[in-house]
Amino acid sequence: TGEDAVSGWGQQHGENCCDVVMLLNPLCPLSAAKVLALKATVVLLLTLLIKAKVRITAFSALGIVLLLLQTLLFLAASGALGLAVGAAGLYALQQRRMATA
């Protein structure tokens, strides 16, 4: 059979059956180790992907909060400047009235 021929080839060349015929022997410890390594790699990559998604979402939310804070500070500063200009105008008007009186 084909399996006997392949295993005979591996025995003639001094190789282990797991090295030559990985698909024919699914219980081979090397193939199990390779499958576990692949699963660990997939879990690691998924974890990194989820971490990146969480960081993007968190920093996006942080960006929105900082934008709101910047807008509120701008409105407060422009309001304070408006009050200062209004107060200076009233003071100048009062000084002019006192000078004419």
Protein backbone atom coordinates (compact mmCIF):
# COMPACT_ATOMS: atom_id res chain seq x y z
CA THR A 1 0.00 0.00 0.00
CA GLY A 2 0.98 3.63 -0.22
CA GLU A 3 1.35 3.98 3.55
CA ASP A 4 3.71 1.00 3.76
CA ALA A 5 5.79 2.38 0.92
CA VAL A 6 6.11 5.78 2.57
CA SER A 7 6.88 4.36 6.02
CA GLY A 8 9.40 2.00 4.41
CA TRP A 9 11.07 4.97 2.74
CA GLY A 10 11.32 6.78 6.08
CA GLN A 11 12.79 3.72 7.81
CA GLN A 12 15.35 3.29 5.05
CA HIS A 13 16.49 6.88 5.36
CA GLY A 14 16.52 6.88 9.16
CA GLU A 15 13.62 9.29 9.63
CA ASN A 16 10.72 9.16 12.03
CA CYS A 17 7.27 8.38 10.62
CA CYS A 18 6.04 11.69 12.03
CA ASP A 19 8.53 13.66 9.95
CA VAL A 20 7.57 12.05 6.66
CA VAL A 21 3.85 11.31 6.93
CA MET A 22 2.18 13.93 9.05
CA LEU A 23 -1.29 13.49 7.56
CA LEU A 24 -1.34 9.71 7.85
CA ASN A 25 -0.67 9.69 11.60
CA PRO A 26 -2.81 12.36 13.30
CA LEU A 27 -1.76 11.23 16.81
CA CYS A 28 1.88 12.05 16.20
CA PRO A 29 3.21 14.28 19.03
CA LEU A 30 4.96 16.61 16.58
CA SER A 31 1.79 17.36 14.69
CA ALA A 32 -0.08 17.89 17.97
CA ALA A 33 2.62 20.33 19.06
CA LYS A 34 2.36 22.16 15.76
CA VAL A 35 -1.42 22.38 16.09
CA LEU A 36 -1.09 23.72 19.65
CA ALA A 37 1.49 26.25 18.49
CA LEU A 38 -0.85 27.36 15.72
CA LYS A 39 -3.74 27.69 18.17
CA ALA A 40 -1.56 29.71 20.54
CA THR A 41 -0.53 31.98 17.67
CA VAL A 42 -4.16 32.52 16.67
CA VAL A 43 -5.15 33.31 20.26
CA LEU A 44 -2.23 35.75 20.56
CA LEU A 45 -3.15 37.50 17.32
CA LEU A 46 -6.82 37.72 18.30
CA THR A 47 -5.83 39.16 21.67
CA LEU A 48 -3.66 41.79 19.99
CA LEU A 49 -6.47 42.63 17.57
CA ILE A 50 -8.99 43.05 20.40
CA LYS A 51 -6.46 45.14 22.36
CA ALA A 52 -5.93 47.40 19.35
CA LYS A 53 -9.69 47.78 18.87
CA VAL A 54 -10.13 48.69 22.55
CA ARG A 55 -7.28 51.22 22.37
CA ILE A 56 -8.71 52.81 19.22
CA THR A 57 -12.14 53.08 20.85
CA ALA A 58 -10.73 54.40 24.12
CA PHE A 59 -8.53 57.01 22.46
CA SER A 60 -11.40 57.98 20.18
CA ALA A 61 -13.57 58.58 23.24
CA LEU A 62 -10.70 60.48 24.87
CA GLY A 63 -10.37 62.58 21.72
CA ILE A 64 -14.08 63.44 21.82
CA VAL A 65 -13.83 64.43 25.50
CA LEU A 66 -10.79 66.61 24.80
CA LEU A 67 -12.56 68.22 21.85
CA LEU A 68 -15.57 69.03 24.06
CA LEU A 69 -13.27 70.43 26.74
CA GLN A 70 -11.45 72.56 24.17
CA THR A 71 -14.74 73.88 22.79
CA LEU A 72 -16.04 74.72 26.26
CA LEU A 73 -12.79 76.50 27.16
CA PHE A 74 -12.95 78.47 23.91
CA LEU A 75 -16.54 79.52 24.63
CA ALA A 76 -15.65 80.48 28.20
CA ALA A 77 -12.61 82.48 27.08
CA SER A 78 -14.55 84.29 24.37
CA GLY A 79 -17.35 85.02 26.86
CA ALA A 80 -14.85 86.41 29.36
CA LEU A 81 -13.28 88.57 26.67
CA GLY A 82 -16.74 89.79 25.69
CA LEU A 83 -17.46 90.74 29.30
CA ALA A 84 -14.11 92.52 29.55
CA VAL A 85 -14.80 94.51 26.37
CA GLY A 86 -18.31 95.36 27.61
CA ALA A 87 -16.97 96.47 30.99
CA ALA A 88 -14.25 98.57 29.34
CA GLY A 89 -16.88 100.19 27.12
CA LEU A 90 -19.08 101.01 30.10
CA TYR A 91 -16.10 102.41 31.99
CA ALA A 92 -15.10 104.58 29.02
CA LEU A 93 -18.69 105.81 28.64
CA GLN A 94 -18.86 106.63 32.34
CA GLN A 95 -15.55 108.50 32.19
CA ARG A 96 -16.78 110.47 29.17
CA ARG A 97 -20.02 111.42 30.98
CA MET A 98 -18.08 112.53 34.03
CA ALA A 99 -15.72 114.60 31.86
CA THR A 100 -18.61 116.34 30.07
CA ALA A 101 -20.49 116.99 33.29
